[in-house]
Amino acid sequence: LMLLGTLVRSFDAMPPGAIVVQGGISLMVIAILKAMFLLGIRLAL
């Protein structure tokens, strides 16, 4: 439900047909990958 709510809110932030690529997308992806590995290692440790 949180995901669907975020999807609905995305139309307020970026209306249909007005997608704008943010400059920090690559840094965000790196941060998410880092968080993914840290969570996985913590769970398996």
PDB file of all heavy atoms in Angstrom:
ATOM      1  N   LEU A   1       0.834  -1.201   0.000  1.00  0.00           N
ATOM      2  CA  LEU A   1       0.000   0.000   0.000  1.00  0.00           C
ATOM      3  C   LEU A   1       0.875   1.260   0.000  1.00  0.00           C
ATOM      4  O   LEU A   1       0.531   2.262  -0.636  1.00  0.00           O
ATOM      5  CB  LEU A   1      -0.921   0.000   1.217  1.00  0.00           C
ATOM      6  CG  LEU A   1      -1.916  -1.164   1.296  1.00  0.00           C
ATOM      7  CD1 LEU A   1      -2.785  -1.049   2.541  1.00  0.00           C
ATOM      8  CD2 LEU A   1      -2.792  -1.222   0.042  1.00  0.00           C
ATOM      9  N   MET A   2       1.997   1.199   0.716  1.00  0.00           N
ATOM     10  CA  MET A   2       2.922   2.319   0.704  1.00  0.00           C
ATOM     11  C   MET A   2       3.467   2.551  -0.703  1.00  0.00           C
ATOM     12  O   MET A   2       3.614   3.692  -1.155  1.00  0.00           O
ATOM     13  CB  MET A   2       4.080   2.057   1.664  1.00  0.00           C
ATOM     14  CG  MET A   2       5.043   3.229   1.807  1.00  0.00           C
ATOM     15  SD  MET A   2       6.645   2.744   2.493  1.00  0.00           S
ATOM     16  CE  MET A   2       7.347   1.864   1.092  1.00  0.00           C
ATOM     17  N   LEU A   3       3.740   1.452  -1.405  1.00  0.00           N
ATOM     18  CA  LEU A   3       4.252   1.563  -2.764  1.00  0.00           C
ATOM     19  C   LEU A   3       3.215   2.201  -3.686  1.00  0.00           C
ATOM     20  O   LEU A   3       3.537   3.079  -4.497  1.00  0.00           O
ATOM     21  CB  LEU A   3       4.655   0.183  -3.281  1.00  0.00           C
ATOM     22  CG  LEU A   3       5.170   0.115  -4.719  1.00  0.00           C
ATOM     23  CD1 LEU A   3       6.438   0.943  -4.870  1.00  0.00           C
ATOM     24  CD2 LEU A   3       5.429  -1.334  -5.123  1.00  0.00           C
ATOM     25  N   LEU A   4       1.960   1.764  -3.557  1.00  0.00           N
ATOM     26  CA  LEU A   4       0.905   2.349  -4.382  1.00  0.00           C
ATOM     27  C   LEU A   4       0.689   3.816  -4.028  1.00  0.00           C
ATOM     28  O   LEU A   4       0.424   4.646  -4.912  1.00  0.00           O
ATOM     29  CB  LEU A   4      -0.390   1.555  -4.207  1.00  0.00           C
ATOM     30  CG  LEU A   4      -0.373   0.112  -4.726  1.00  0.00           C
ATOM     31  CD1 LEU A   4      -1.708  -0.568  -4.450  1.00  0.00           C
ATOM     32  CD2 LEU A   4      -0.061   0.065  -6.218  1.00  0.00           C
ATOM     33  N   GLY A   5       0.794   4.145  -2.732  1.00  0.00           N
ATOM     34  CA  GLY A   5       0.676   5.544  -2.339  1.00  0.00           C
ATOM     35  C   GLY A   5       1.786   6.402  -2.922  1.00  0.00           C
ATOM     36  O   GLY A   5       1.550   7.531  -3.375  1.00  0.00           O
ATOM     37  N   THR A   6       3.001   5.858  -2.930  1.00  0.00           N
ATOM     38  CA  THR A   6       4.122   6.576  -3.538  1.00  0.00           C
ATOM     39  C   THR A   6       3.904   6.742  -5.035  1.00  0.00           C
ATOM     40  O   THR A   6       4.237   7.787  -5.609  1.00  0.00           O
ATOM     41  CB  THR A   6       5.433   5.822  -3.278  1.00  0.00           C
ATOM     42  OG1 THR A   6       5.617   5.661  -1.872  1.00  0.00           O
ATOM     43  CG2 THR A   6       6.616   6.583  -3.865  1.00  0.00           C
ATOM     44  N   LEU A   7       3.345   5.729  -5.666  1.00  0.00           N
ATOM     45  CA  LEU A   7       3.055   5.821  -7.094  1.00  0.00           C
ATOM     46  C   LEU A   7       2.062   6.946  -7.376  1.00  0.00           C
ATOM     47  O   LEU A   7       2.237   7.710  -8.336  1.00  0.00           O
ATOM     48  CB  LEU A   7       2.503   4.485  -7.586  1.00  0.00           C
ATOM     49  CG  LEU A   7       2.038   4.422  -9.050  1.00  0.00           C
ATOM     50  CD1 LEU A   7       3.171   4.782  -9.990  1.00  0.00           C
ATOM     51  CD2 LEU A   7       1.486   3.035  -9.375  1.00  0.00           C
ATOM     52  N   VAL A   8       1.037   7.070  -6.541  1.00  0.00           N
ATOM     53  CA  VAL A   8       0.060   8.146  -6.737  1.00  0.00           C
ATOM     54  C   VAL A   8       0.716   9.503  -6.495  1.00  0.00           C
ATOM     55  O   VAL A   8       0.491  10.470  -7.244  1.00  0.00           O
ATOM     56  CB  VAL A   8      -1.147   7.942  -5.802  1.00  0.00           C
ATOM     57  CG1 VAL A   8      -2.095   9.132  -5.896  1.00  0.00           C
ATOM     58  CG2 VAL A   8      -1.892   6.668  -6.172  1.00  0.00           C
ATOM     59  N   ARG A   9       1.556   9.599  -5.451  1.00  0.00           N
ATOM     60  CA  ARG A   9       2.232  10.870  -5.164  1.00  0.00           C
ATOM     61  C   ARG A   9       3.221  11.249  -6.252  1.00  0.00           C
ATOM     62  O   ARG A   9       3.533  12.428  -6.430  1.00  0.00           O
ATOM     63  CB  ARG A   9       2.951  10.788  -3.815  1.00  0.00           C
ATOM     64  CG  ARG A   9       2.030  10.818  -2.614  1.00  0.00           C
ATOM     65  CD  ARG A   9       2.788  11.011  -1.310  1.00  0.00           C
ATOM     66  NE  ARG A   9       3.659   9.885  -1.000  1.00  0.00           N
ATOM     67  CZ  ARG A   9       4.970   9.908  -1.102  1.00  0.00           C
ATOM     68  NH1 ARG A   9       5.587  11.002  -1.517  1.00  0.00           N
ATOM     69  NH2 ARG A   9       5.692   8.845  -0.798  1.00  0.00           N
ATOM     70  N   SER A  10       3.722  10.245  -6.975  1.00  0.00           N
ATOM     71  CA  SER A  10       4.683  10.552  -8.039  1.00  0.00           C
ATOM     72  C   SER A  10       4.051  11.396  -9.140  1.00  0.00           C
ATOM     73  O   SER A  10       4.748  12.161  -9.812  1.00  0.00           O
ATOM     74  CB  SER A  10       5.234   9.251  -8.640  1.00  0.00           C
ATOM     75  OG  SER A  10       4.248   8.567  -9.403  1.00  0.00           O
ATOM     76  N   PHE A  11       2.734  11.297  -9.295  1.00  0.00           N
ATOM     77  CA  PHE A  11       2.067  12.104 -10.326  1.00  0.00           C
ATOM     78  C   PHE A  11       1.953  13.560  -9.906  1.00  0.00           C
ATOM     79  O   PHE A  11       1.781  14.436 -10.751  1.00  0.00           O
ATOM     80  CB  PHE A  11       0.679  11.533 -10.624  1.00  0.00           C
ATOM     81  CG  PHE A  11       0.710  10.204 -11.334  1.00  0.00           C
ATOM     82  CD1 PHE A  11       0.435   9.036 -10.651  1.00  0.00           C
ATOM     83  CD2 PHE A  11       1.038  10.132 -12.678  1.00  0.00           C
ATOM     84  CE1 PHE A  11       0.464   7.816 -11.298  1.00  0.00           C
ATOM     85  CE2 PHE A  11       1.078   8.910 -13.334  1.00  0.00           C
ATOM     86  CZ  PHE A  11       0.797   7.749 -12.643  1.00  0.00           C
ATOM     87  N   ASP A  12       2.046  13.839  -8.587  1.00  0.00           N
ATOM     88  CA  ASP A  12       2.095  15.227  -8.133  1.00  0.00           C
ATOM     89  C   ASP A  12       3.487  15.807  -8.326  1.00  0.00           C
ATOM     90  O   ASP A  12       3.632  16.966  -8.720  1.00  0.00           O
ATOM     91  CB  ASP A  12       1.692  15.317  -6.662  1.00  0.00           C
ATOM     92  CG  ASP A  12       0.231  14.962  -6.435  1.00  0.00           C
ATOM     93  OD1 ASP A  12      -0.585  15.232  -7.341  1.00  0.00           O
ATOM     94  OD2 ASP A  12      -0.094  14.404  -5.365  1.00  0.00           O
ATOM     95  N   ALA A  13       4.509  14.993  -8.005  1.00  0.00           N
ATOM     96  CA  ALA A  13       5.882  15.478  -8.148  1.00  0.00           C
ATOM     97  C   ALA A  13       6.295  15.575  -9.610  1.00  0.00           C
ATOM     98  O   ALA A  13       6.957  16.538 -10.014  1.00  0.00           O
ATOM     99  CB  ALA A  13       6.841  14.560  -7.384  1.00  0.00           C
ATOM    100  N   MET A  14       5.903  14.574 -10.382  1.00  0.00           N
ATOM    101  CA  MET A  14       6.229  14.536 -11.808  1.00  0.00           C
ATOM    102  C   MET A  14       4.974  14.173 -12.575  1.00  0.00           C
ATOM    103  O   MET A  14       4.642  12.995 -12.710  1.00  0.00           O
ATOM    104  CB  MET A  14       7.344  13.523 -12.093  1.00  0.00           C
ATOM    105  CG  MET A  14       8.675  13.877 -11.491  1.00  0.00           C
ATOM    106  SD  MET A  14       9.987  12.735 -11.989  1.00  0.00           S
ATOM    107  CE  MET A  14      11.377  13.404 -11.087  1.00  0.00           C
ATOM    108  N   PRO A  15       4.229  15.152 -13.063  1.00  0.00           N
ATOM    109  CA  PRO A  15       2.988  14.867 -13.789  1.00  0.00           C
ATOM    110  C   PRO A  15       3.249  14.003 -15.015  1.00  0.00           C
ATOM    111  O   PRO A  15       4.381  13.898 -15.504  1.00  0.00           O
ATOM    112  CB  PRO A  15       2.488  16.269 -14.190  1.00  0.00           C
ATOM    113  CG  PRO A  15       3.145  17.202 -13.230  1.00  0.00           C
ATOM    114  CD  PRO A  15       4.473  16.595 -12.910  1.00  0.00           C
ATOM    115  N   PRO A  16       2.206  13.363 -15.525  1.00  0.00           N
ATOM    116  CA  PRO A  16       2.384  12.510 -16.715  1.00  0.00           C
ATOM    117  C   PRO A  16       2.972  13.295 -17.881  1.00  0.00           C
ATOM    118  O   PRO A  16       2.537  14.405 -18.186  1.00  0.00           O
ATOM    119  CB  PRO A  16       0.952  12.045 -17.028  1.00  0.00           C
ATOM    120  CG  PRO A  16       0.232  12.135 -15.728  1.00  0.00           C
ATOM    121  CD  PRO A  16       0.834  13.302 -15.006  1.00  0.00           C
ATOM    122  N   GLY A  17       3.984  12.714 -18.503  1.00  0.00           N
ATOM    123  CA  GLY A  17       4.629  13.348 -19.640  1.00  0.00           C
ATOM    124  C   GLY A  17       5.632  14.411 -19.278  1.00  0.00           C
ATOM    125  O   GLY A  17       6.182  15.064 -20.171  1.00  0.00           O
ATOM    126  N   ALA A  18       5.894  14.620 -17.993  1.00  0.00           N
ATOM    127  CA  ALA A  18       6.820  15.673 -17.560  1.00  0.00           C
ATOM    128  C   ALA A  18       7.927  15.084 -16.702  1.00  0.00           C
ATOM    129  O   ALA A  18       8.315  15.660 -15.681  1.00  0.00           O
ATOM    130  CB  ALA A  18       6.071  16.757 -16.798  1.00  0.00           C
ATOM    131  N   ILE A  19       8.432  13.918 -17.086  1.00  0.00           N
ATOM    132  CA  ILE A  19       9.498  13.259 -16.332  1.00  0.00           C
ATOM    133  C   ILE A  19      10.792  14.039 -16.508  1.00  0.00           C
ATOM    134  O   ILE A  19      11.217  14.340 -17.633  1.00  0.00           O
ATOM    135  CB  ILE A  19       9.680  11.808 -16.795  1.00  0.00           C
ATOM    136  CG1 ILE A  19       8.374  11.030 -16.643  1.00  0.00           C
ATOM    137  CG2 ILE A  19      10.796  11.133 -16.020  1.00  0.00           C
ATOM    138  CD1 ILE A  19       7.881  10.934 -15.228  1.00  0.00           C
ATOM    139  N   VAL A  20      11.419  14.364 -15.389  1.00  0.00           N
ATOM    140  CA  VAL A  20      12.699  15.069 -15.396  1.00  0.00           C
ATOM    141  C   VAL A  20      13.697  14.233 -14.612  1.00  0.00           C
ATOM    142  O   VAL A  20      13.447  13.879 -13.449  1.00  0.00           O
ATOM    143  CB  VAL A  20      12.578  16.471 -14.769  1.00  0.00           C
ATOM    144  CG1 VAL A  20      13.944  17.155 -14.746  1.00  0.00           C
ATOM    145  CG2 VAL A  20      11.571  17.308 -15.534  1.00  0.00           C
ATOM    146  N   VAL A  21      14.813  13.888 -15.226  1.00  0.00           N
ATOM    147  CA  VAL A  21      15.841  13.079 -14.577  1.00  0.00           C
ATOM    148  C   VAL A  21      16.626  13.948 -13.609  1.00  0.00           C
ATOM    149  O   VAL A  21      17.157  14.997 -13.983  1.00  0.00           O
ATOM    150  CB  VAL A  21      16.782  12.448 -15.625  1.00  0.00           C
ATOM    151  CG1 VAL A  21      17.873  11.629 -14.936  1.00  0.00           C
ATOM    152  CG2 VAL A  21      15.994  11.584 -16.594  1.00  0.00           C
ATOM    153  N   GLN A  22      16.669  13.515 -12.352  1.00  0.00           N
ATOM    154  CA  GLN A  22      17.393  14.264 -11.334  1.00  0.00           C
ATOM    155  C   GLN A  22      18.899  14.007 -11.452  1.00  0.00           C
ATOM    156  O   GLN A  22      19.337  12.922 -11.835  1.00  0.00           O
ATOM    157  CB  GLN A  22      16.907  13.849  -9.934  1.00  0.00           C
ATOM    158  CG  GLN A  22      15.413  14.053  -9.725  1.00  0.00           C
ATOM    159  CD  GLN A  22      15.014  15.513  -9.730  1.00  0.00           C
ATOM    160  OE1 GLN A  22      15.794  16.375  -9.313  1.00  0.00           O
ATOM    161  NE2 GLN A  22      13.811  15.807 -10.205  1.00  0.00           N
ATOM    162  N   GLY A  23      19.678  15.011 -11.077  1.00  0.00           N
ATOM    163  CA  GLY A  23      21.121  14.893 -11.223  1.00  0.00           C
ATOM    164  C   GLY A  23      21.755  13.898 -10.268  1.00  0.00           C
ATOM    165  O   GLY A  23      22.817  13.359 -10.537  1.00  0.00           O
ATOM    166  N   GLY A  24      21.108  13.637  -9.122  1.00  0.00           N
ATOM    167  CA  GLY A  24      21.696  12.758  -8.126  1.00  0.00           C
ATOM    168  C   GLY A  24      21.216  11.324  -8.193  1.00  0.00           C
ATOM    169  O   GLY A  24      21.342  10.586  -7.213  1.00  0.00           O
ATOM    170  N   ILE A  25      20.665  10.904  -9.341  1.00  0.00           N
ATOM    171  CA  ILE A  25      20.131   9.548  -9.458  1.00  0.00           C
ATOM    172  C   ILE A  25      21.239   8.510  -9.273  1.00  0.00           C
ATOM    173  O   ILE A  25      21.063   7.510  -8.574  1.00  0.00           O
ATOM    174  CB  ILE A  25      19.441   9.350 -10.823  1.00  0.00           C
ATOM    175  CG1 ILE A  25      18.184  10.214 -10.896  1.00  0.00           C
ATOM    176  CG2 ILE A  25      19.083   7.891 -11.039  1.00  0.00           C
ATOM    177  CD1 ILE A  25      17.117   9.823  -9.910  1.00  0.00           C
ATOM    178  N   SER A  26      22.385   8.732  -9.902  1.00  0.00           N
ATOM    179  CA  SER A  26      23.470   7.750  -9.812  1.00  0.00           C
ATOM    180  C   SER A  26      23.963   7.613  -8.373  1.00  0.00           C
ATOM    181  O   SER A  26      24.239   6.503  -7.905  1.00  0.00           O
ATOM    182  CB  SER A  26      24.619   8.158 -10.731  1.00  0.00           C
ATOM    183  OG  SER A  26      25.102   9.452 -10.386  1.00  0.00           O
ATOM    184  N   LEU A  27      24.075   8.730  -7.655  1.00  0.00           N
ATOM    185  CA  LEU A  27      24.495   8.665  -6.259  1.00  0.00           C
ATOM    186  C   LEU A  27      23.466   7.930  -5.416  1.00  0.00           C
ATOM    187  O   LEU A  27      23.819   7.188  -4.487  1.00  0.00           O
ATOM    188  CB  LEU A  27      24.708  10.076  -5.715  1.00  0.00           C
ATOM    189  CG  LEU A  27      25.829  10.891  -6.370  1.00  0.00           C
ATOM    190  CD1 LEU A  27      25.888  12.286  -5.762  1.00  0.00           C
ATOM    191  CD2 LEU A  27      27.174  10.185  -6.203  1.00  0.00           C
ATOM    192  N   MET A  28      22.178   8.120  -5.733  1.00  0.00           N
ATOM    193  CA  MET A  28      21.127   7.431  -4.990  1.00  0.00           C
ATOM    194  C   MET A  28      21.205   5.930  -5.217  1.00  0.00           C
ATOM    195  O   MET A  28      21.045   5.134  -4.291  1.00  0.00           O
ATOM    196  CB  MET A  28      19.760   7.952  -5.422  1.00  0.00           C
ATOM    197  CG  MET A  28      18.594   7.350  -4.648  1.00  0.00           C
ATOM    198  SD  MET A  28      17.015   7.671  -5.450  1.00  0.00           S
ATOM    199  CE  MET A  28      17.192   6.666  -6.926  1.00  0.00           C
ATOM    200  N   VAL A  29      21.463   5.511  -6.462  1.00  0.00           N
ATOM    201  CA  VAL A  29      21.576   4.086  -6.768  1.00  0.00           C
ATOM    202  C   VAL A  29      22.751   3.465  -6.018  1.00  0.00           C
ATOM    203  O   VAL A  29      22.649   2.368  -5.468  1.00  0.00           O
ATOM    204  CB  VAL A  29      21.721   3.879  -8.286  1.00  0.00           C
ATOM    205  CG1 VAL A  29      22.025   2.423  -8.609  1.00  0.00           C
ATOM    206  CG2 VAL A  29      20.443   4.306  -9.005  1.00  0.00           C
ATOM    207  N   ILE A  30      23.870   4.179  -5.965  1.00  0.00           N
ATOM    208  CA  ILE A  30      25.033   3.683  -5.233  1.00  0.00           C
ATOM    209  C   ILE A  30      24.705   3.534  -3.755  1.00  0.00           C
ATOM    210  O   ILE A  30      25.085   2.541  -3.111  1.00  0.00           O
ATOM    211  CB  ILE A  30      26.237   4.623  -5.443  1.00  0.00           C
ATOM    212  CG1 ILE A  30      26.683   4.583  -6.909  1.00  0.00           C
ATOM    213  CG2 ILE A  30      27.387   4.229  -4.534  1.00  0.00           C
ATOM    214  CD1 ILE A  30      27.765   5.578  -7.245  1.00  0.00           C
ATOM    215  N   ALA A  31      23.995   4.509  -3.197  1.00  0.00           N
ATOM    216  CA  ALA A  31      23.620   4.439  -1.775  1.00  0.00           C
ATOM    217  C   ALA A  31      22.695   3.259  -1.509  1.00  0.00           C
ATOM    218  O   ALA A  31      22.813   2.586  -0.480  1.00  0.00           O
ATOM    219  CB  ALA A  31      22.952   5.747  -1.359  1.00  0.00           C
ATOM    220  N   ILE A  32      21.788   2.990  -2.432  1.00  0.00           N
ATOM    221  CA  ILE A  32      20.864   1.861  -2.249  1.00  0.00           C
ATOM    222  C   ILE A  32      21.622   0.543  -2.341  1.00  0.00           C
ATOM    223  O   ILE A  32      21.369  -0.393  -1.567  1.00  0.00           O
ATOM    224  CB  ILE A  32      19.737   1.923  -3.292  1.00  0.00           C
ATOM    225  CG1 ILE A  32      18.836   3.134  -3.023  1.00  0.00           C
ATOM    226  CG2 ILE A  32      18.889   0.645  -3.266  1.00  0.00           C
ATOM    227  CD1 ILE A  32      17.798   3.366  -4.076  1.00  0.00           C
ATOM    228  N   LEU A  33      22.553   0.431  -3.279  1.00  0.00           N
ATOM    229  CA  LEU A  33      23.366  -0.784  -3.386  1.00  0.00           C
ATOM    230  C   LEU A  33      24.195  -0.998  -2.115  1.00  0.00           C
ATOM    231  O   LEU A  33      24.315  -2.120  -1.628  1.00  0.00           O
ATOM    232  CB  LEU A  33      24.276  -0.695  -4.609  1.00  0.00           C
ATOM    233  CG  LEU A  33      23.596  -0.814  -5.971  1.00  0.00           C
ATOM    234  CD1 LEU A  33      24.603  -0.558  -7.084  1.00  0.00           C
ATOM    235  CD2 LEU A  33      22.971  -2.193  -6.142  1.00  0.00           C
ATOM    236  N   LYS A  34      24.730   0.081  -1.590  1.00  0.00           N
ATOM    237  CA  LYS A  34      25.487  -0.020  -0.348  1.00  0.00           C
ATOM    238  C   LYS A  34      24.592  -0.506   0.793  1.00  0.00           C
ATOM    239  O   LYS A  34      24.975  -1.400   1.567  1.00  0.00           O
ATOM    240  CB  LYS A  34      26.094   1.351  -0.007  1.00  0.00           C
ATOM    241  CG  LYS A  34      26.812   1.385   1.333  1.00  0.00           C
ATOM    242  CD  LYS A  34      27.294   2.796   1.642  1.00  0.00           C
ATOM    243  CE  LYS A  34      27.917   2.862   3.033  1.00  0.00           C
ATOM    244  NZ  LYS A  34      28.370   4.251   3.366  1.00  0.00           N
ATOM    245  N   ALA A  35      23.396   0.072   0.886  1.00  0.00           N
ATOM    246  CA  ALA A  35      22.465  -0.347   1.934  1.00  0.00           C
ATOM    247  C   ALA A  35      22.057  -1.803   1.764  1.00  0.00           C
ATOM    248  O   ALA A  35      21.892  -2.531   2.746  1.00  0.00           O
ATOM    249  CB  ALA A  35      21.232   0.557   1.924  1.00  0.00           C
ATOM    250  N   MET A  36      21.905  -2.242   0.520  1.00  0.00           N
ATOM    251  CA  MET A  36      21.518  -3.624   0.249  1.00  0.00           C
ATOM    252  C   MET A  36      22.577  -4.590   0.774  1.00  0.00           C
ATOM    253  O   MET A  36      22.259  -5.563   1.469  1.00  0.00           O
ATOM    254  CB  MET A  36      21.316  -3.829  -1.250  1.00  0.00           C
ATOM    255  CG  MET A  36      20.916  -5.253  -1.645  1.00  0.00           C
ATOM    256  SD  MET A  36      21.055  -5.527  -3.424  1.00  0.00           S
ATOM    257  CE  MET A  36      22.857  -5.607  -3.595  1.00  0.00           C
ATOM    258  N   PHE A  37      23.839  -4.338   0.469  1.00  0.00           N
ATOM    259  CA  PHE A  37      24.910  -5.225   0.916  1.00  0.00           C
ATOM    260  C   PHE A  37      25.058  -5.183   2.433  1.00  0.00           C
ATOM    261  O   PHE A  37      25.286  -6.231   3.071  1.00  0.00           O
ATOM    262  CB  PHE A  37      26.224  -4.848   0.242  1.00  0.00           C
ATOM    263  CG  PHE A  37      26.349  -5.344  -1.168  1.00  0.00           C
ATOM    264  CD1 PHE A  37      26.214  -4.482  -2.233  1.00  0.00           C
ATOM    265  CD2 PHE A  37      26.580  -6.688  -1.438  1.00  0.00           C
ATOM    266  CE1 PHE A  37      26.314  -4.942  -3.542  1.00  0.00           C
ATOM    267  CE2 PHE A  37      26.679  -7.153  -2.734  1.00  0.00           C
ATOM    268  CZ  PHE A  37      26.549  -6.277  -3.788  1.00  0.00           C
ATOM    269  N   LEU A  38      24.934  -4.010   3.037  1.00  0.00           N
ATOM    270  CA  LEU A  38      25.055  -3.912   4.486  1.00  0.00           C
ATOM    271  C   LEU A  38      23.939  -4.678   5.186  1.00  0.00           C
ATOM    272  O   LEU A  38      24.182  -5.400   6.164  1.00  0.00           O
ATOM    273  CB  LEU A  38      25.039  -2.439   4.909  1.00  0.00           C
ATOM    274  CG  LEU A  38      26.299  -1.627   4.586  1.00  0.00           C
ATOM    275  CD1 LEU A  38      26.117  -0.178   5.014  1.00  0.00           C
ATOM    276  CD2 LEU A  38      27.517  -2.237   5.260  1.00  0.00           C
ATOM    277  N   LEU A  39      22.710  -4.548   4.687  1.00  0.00           N
ATOM    278  CA  LEU A  39      21.597  -5.270   5.291  1.00  0.00           C
ATOM    279  C   LEU A  39      21.772  -6.773   5.148  1.00  0.00           C
ATOM    280  O   LEU A  39      21.509  -7.545   6.075  1.00  0.00           O
ATOM    281  CB  LEU A  39      20.275  -4.827   4.648  1.00  0.00           C
ATOM    282  CG  LEU A  39      19.766  -3.433   5.014  1.00  0.00           C
ATOM    283  CD1 LEU A  39      18.522  -3.096   4.201  1.00  0.00           C
ATOM    284  CD2 LEU A  39      19.478  -3.325   6.494  1.00  0.00           C
ATOM    285  N   GLY A  40      22.208  -7.199   3.961  1.00  0.00           N
ATOM    286  CA  GLY A  40      22.412  -8.626   3.745  1.00  0.00           C
ATOM    287  C   GLY A  40      23.486  -9.204   4.645  1.00  0.00           C
ATOM    288  O   GLY A  40      23.304 -10.282   5.234  1.00  0.00           O
ATOM    289  N   ILE A  41      24.586  -8.497   4.804  1.00  0.00           N
ATOM    290  CA  ILE A  41      25.677  -8.980   5.655  1.00  0.00           C
ATOM    291  C   ILE A  41      25.259  -8.979   7.119  1.00  0.00           C
ATOM    292  O   ILE A  41      25.564  -9.919   7.874  1.00  0.00           O
ATOM    293  CB  ILE A  41      26.939  -8.128   5.432  1.00  0.00           C
ATOM    294  CG1 ILE A  41      27.469  -8.356   4.008  1.00  0.00           C
ATOM    295  CG2 ILE A  41      28.010  -8.468   6.456  1.00  0.00           C
ATOM    296  CD1 ILE A  41      28.624  -7.458   3.637  1.00  0.00           C
ATOM    297  N   ARG A  42      24.537  -7.943   7.543  1.00  0.00           N
ATOM    298  CA  ARG A  42      24.072  -7.891   8.935  1.00  0.00           C
ATOM    299  C   ARG A  42      23.120  -9.035   9.248  1.00  0.00           C
ATOM    300  O   ARG A  42      23.151  -9.599  10.333  1.00  0.00           O
ATOM    301  CB  ARG A  42      23.393  -6.552   9.187  1.00  0.00           C
ATOM    302  CG  ARG A  42      24.357  -5.375   9.311  1.00  0.00           C
ATOM    303  CD  ARG A  42      23.611  -4.067   9.341  1.00  0.00           C
ATOM    304  NE  ARG A  42      22.632  -4.031  10.432  1.00  0.00           N
ATOM    305  CZ  ARG A  42      21.754  -3.046  10.589  1.00  0.00           C
ATOM    306  NH1 ARG A  42      21.707  -2.053   9.711  1.00  0.00           N
ATOM    307  NH2 ARG A  42      20.916  -3.076  11.603  1.00  0.00           N
ATOM    308  N   LEU A  43      22.281  -9.370   8.295  1.00  0.00           N
ATOM    309  CA  LEU A  43      21.327 -10.453   8.517  1.00  0.00           C
ATOM    310  C   LEU A  43      22.018 -11.810   8.556  1.00  0.00           C
ATOM    311  O   LEU A  43      21.607 -12.706   9.303  1.00  0.00           O
ATOM    312  CB  LEU A  43      20.260 -10.437   7.414  1.00  0.00           C
ATOM    313  CG  LEU A  43      19.112 -11.445   7.538  1.00  0.00           C
ATOM    314  CD1 LEU A  43      18.368 -11.239   8.853  1.00  0.00           C
ATOM    315  CD2 LEU A  43      18.150 -11.310   6.370  1.00  0.00           C
ATOM    316  N   ALA A  44      23.068 -11.972   7.767  1.00  0.00           N
ATOM    317  CA  ALA A  44      23.757 -13.261   7.712  1.00  0.00           C
ATOM    318  C   ALA A  44      24.889 -13.380   8.723  1.00  0.00           C
ATOM    319  O   ALA A  44      25.390 -14.489   8.950  1.00  0.00           O
ATOM    320  CB  ALA A  44      24.321 -13.484   6.300  1.00  0.00           C
ATOM    321  N   LEU A  45      25.289 -12.276   9.327  1.00  0.00           N
ATOM    322  CA  LEU A  45      26.470 -12.281  10.196  1.00  0.00           C
ATOM    323  C   LEU A  45      26.345 -13.237  11.385  1.00  0.00           C
ATOM    324  O   LEU A  45      27.321 -13.954  11.689  1.00  0.00           O
ATOM    325  CB  LEU A  45      26.753 -10.865  10.680  1.00  0.00           C
ATOM    326  CG  LEU A  45      28.143 -10.618  11.275  1.00  0.00           C
ATOM    327  CD1 LEU A  45      29.222 -10.969  10.256  1.00  0.00           C
ATOM    328  CD2 LEU A  45      28.277  -9.167  11.714  1.00  0.00           C
TER     329      LEU A  45
END
